[in-house]
C-alpha atoms as a PDB file:
ATOM      1  CA  MET A   1      12.038   7.421 -35.249  1.00  0.00           C
ATOM      2  CA  ALA A   2      14.328  10.230 -34.185  1.00  0.00           C
ATOM      3  CA  ASN A   3      17.652  10.763 -35.942  1.00  0.00           C
ATOM      4  CA  ILE A   4      19.214  13.347 -33.646  1.00  0.00           C
ATOM      5  CA  LYS A   5      21.031  12.082 -30.564  1.00  0.00           C
ATOM      6  CA  SER A   6      19.271  14.432 -28.146  1.00  0.00           C
ATOM      7  CA  ALA A   7      15.878  13.417 -29.547  1.00  0.00           C
ATOM      8  CA  LYS A   8      16.761   9.750 -29.034  1.00  0.00           C
ATOM      9  CA  LYS A   9      17.676  10.520 -25.424  1.00  0.00           C
ATOM     10  CA  ARG A  10      14.389  12.362 -24.874  1.00  0.00           C
ATOM     11  CA  ILE A  11      12.499   9.298 -26.111  1.00  0.00           C
ATOM     12  CA  LYS A  12      14.294   7.158 -23.506  1.00  0.00           C
ATOM     13  CA  VAL A  13      13.570   9.693 -20.759  1.00  0.00           C
ATOM     14  CA  ILE A  14       9.896   9.895 -21.721  1.00  0.00           C
ATOM     15  CA  ASP A  15       9.622   6.097 -21.688  1.00  0.00           C
ATOM     16  CA  LYS A  16      11.086   5.965 -18.168  1.00  0.00           C
ATOM     17  CA  LYS A  17       8.772   8.694 -16.892  1.00  0.00           C
ATOM     18  CA  THR A  18       5.740   7.070 -18.516  1.00  0.00           C
ATOM     19  CA  ALA A  19       6.564   3.740 -16.888  1.00  0.00           C
ATOM     20  CA  ARG A  20       6.970   5.423 -13.510  1.00  0.00           C
ATOM     21  CA  ASN A  21       3.675   7.304 -13.835  1.00  0.00           C
ATOM     22  CA  ILE A  22       1.834   4.112 -14.754  1.00  0.00           C
ATOM     23  CA  ARG A  23       3.341   2.328 -11.754  1.00  0.00           C
ATOM     24  CA  VAL A  24       2.399   5.182  -9.399  1.00  0.00           C
ATOM     25  CA  LYS A  25      -1.151   5.347 -10.765  1.00  0.00           C
ATOM     26  CA  ASN A  26      -1.573   1.599 -10.273  1.00  0.00           C
ATOM     27  CA  HIS A  27      -0.437   1.888  -6.642  1.00  0.00           C
ATOM     28  CA  ILE A  28      -2.924   4.693  -6.094  1.00  0.00           C
ATOM     29  CA  LYS A  29      -5.778   2.723  -7.659  1.00  0.00           C
ATOM     30  CA  GLU A  30      -5.014  -0.213  -5.364  1.00  0.00           C
ATOM     31  CA  ALA A  31      -4.937   2.063  -2.302  1.00  0.00           C
ATOM     32  CA  GLU A  32      -8.225   3.714  -3.289  1.00  0.00           C
ATOM     33  CA  LYS A  33      -9.930   0.362  -3.827  1.00  0.00           C
ATOM     34  CA  ALA A  34      -8.712  -0.868  -0.436  1.00  0.00           C
ATOM     35  CA  PHE A  35     -10.052   2.262   1.271  1.00  0.00           C
ATOM     36  CA  LEU A  36     -13.426   2.113  -0.459  1.00  0.00           C
ATOM     37  CA  ALA A  37     -13.749  -1.604   0.320  1.00  0.00           C
ATOM     38  CA  ALA A  38     -13.055  -0.889   3.999  1.00  0.00           C
ATOM     39  CA  VAL A  39     -15.667   1.874   3.994  1.00  0.00           C
ATOM     40  CA  GLU A  40     -18.214  -0.422   2.343  1.00  0.00           C
ATOM     41  CA  SER A  41     -17.594  -3.138   4.934  1.00  0.00           C
ATOM     42  CA  GLY A  42     -18.146  -0.601   7.726  1.00  0.00           C
ATOM     43  CA  ASP A  43     -14.850  -1.338   9.480  1.00  0.00           C
ATOM     44  CA  ALA A  44     -13.719   2.038  10.822  1.00  0.00           C
ATOM     45  CA  GLU A  45     -10.266   0.899  11.940  1.00  0.00           C
ATOM     46  CA  ALA A  46      -9.440  -0.742   8.614  1.00  0.00           C
ATOM     47  CA  ALA A  47     -10.809   2.289   6.775  1.00  0.00           C
ATOM     48  CA  LYS A  48      -8.621   4.622   8.831  1.00  0.00           C
ATOM     49  CA  ALA A  49      -5.504   2.571   8.111  1.00  0.00           C
ATOM     50  CA  ALA A  50      -6.390   2.353   4.412  1.00  0.00           C
ATOM     51  CA  PHE A  51      -7.048   6.114   4.345  1.00  0.00           C
ATOM     52  CA  GLN A  52      -3.618   6.864   5.799  1.00  0.00           C
ATOM     53  CA  HIS A  53      -1.972   4.640   3.196  1.00  0.00           C
ATOM     54  CA  ALA A  54      -3.971   6.160   0.334  1.00  0.00           C
ATOM     55  CA  GLU A  55      -3.252   9.694   1.538  1.00  0.00           C
ATOM     56  CA  LYS A  56       0.477   8.978   1.666  1.00  0.00           C
ATOM     57  CA  LYS A  57       0.505   7.533  -1.850  1.00  0.00           C
ATOM     58  CA  LEU A  58      -1.524  10.462  -3.217  1.00  0.00           C
ATOM     59  CA  MET A  59       0.740  13.053  -1.608  1.00  0.00           C
ATOM     60  CA  GLN A  60       3.817  11.316  -3.008  1.00  0.00           C
ATOM     61  CA  ALA A  61       2.274  11.343  -6.477  1.00  0.00           C
ATOM     62  CA  ALA A  62       1.491  15.051  -6.155  1.00  0.00           C
ATOM     63  CA  ALA A  63       5.036  15.799  -5.019  1.00  0.00           C
ATOM     64  CA  LYS A  64       6.480  14.041  -8.065  1.00  0.00           C
ATOM     65  CA  GLY A  65       4.044  15.701 -10.474  1.00  0.00           C
ATOM     66  CA  THR A  66       2.092  12.609 -11.481  1.00  0.00           C
ATOM     67  CA  PHE A  67      -1.109  14.310 -10.308  1.00  0.00           C
ATOM     68  CA  HIS A  68      -1.875  17.977  -9.761  1.00  0.00           C
ATOM     69  CA  LYS A  69      -1.773  18.992  -6.106  1.00  0.00           C
ATOM     70  CA  ASN A  70      -5.317  20.372  -6.170  1.00  0.00           C
ATOM     71  CA  ALA A  71      -6.694  17.169  -7.682  1.00  0.00           C
ATOM     72  CA  VAL A  72      -4.990  15.194  -4.918  1.00  0.00           C
ATOM     73  CA  ALA A  73      -6.309  17.565  -2.252  1.00  0.00           C
ATOM     74  CA  ARG A  74      -9.837  17.188  -3.641  1.00  0.00           C
ATOM     75  CA  LYS A  75      -9.595  13.398  -3.643  1.00  0.00           C
ATOM     76  CA  ILE A  76      -8.218  13.292  -0.086  1.00  0.00           C
ATOM     77  CA  SER A  77     -10.981  15.623   1.054  1.00  0.00           C
ATOM     78  CA  ARG A  78     -13.633  13.331  -0.415  1.00  0.00           C
ATOM     79  CA  PHE A  79     -12.051  10.291   1.224  1.00  0.00           C
ATOM     80  CA  GLU A  80     -11.847  12.101   4.553  1.00  0.00           C
ATOM     81  CA  LYS A  81     -15.520  12.986   4.284  1.00  0.00           C
ATOM     82  CA  LYS A  82     -16.385   9.309   3.807  1.00  0.00           C
ATOM     83  CA  LEU A  83     -14.150   8.313   6.725  1.00  0.00           C
ATOM     84  CA  ASN A  84     -15.753  10.901   9.019  1.00  0.00           C
ATOM     85  CA  ALA A  85     -19.235   9.769   8.020  1.00  0.00           C
ATOM     86  CA  LEU A  86     -18.260   6.178   8.837  1.00  0.00           C
ATOM     87  CA  SER A  87     -16.782   7.190  12.200  1.00  0.00           C
ATOM     88  CA  ALA A  88     -19.890   9.198  13.101  1.00  0.00           C
ATOM     89  CA  LYS A  89     -22.112   6.109  12.840  1.00  0.00           C
END
């Protein structure tokens, strides 16, 4: 346990940021699962709506630094590829 006041404060700040990152990651996992479920069912409209929601959540996470922007861009690109393949059917 830290003895210095500034170190104690840093521990509190880290705990808050960790909790926020966990919450954001859980939201993203839920959005991804919803999108992939819509793609599996073959419902293009539901998949498009789920894609828009997932993209928004991913971009927000990248803006806050939870995920790297290139990792988010790669994930969105892969989702978009799946959505386009579903729409082409």
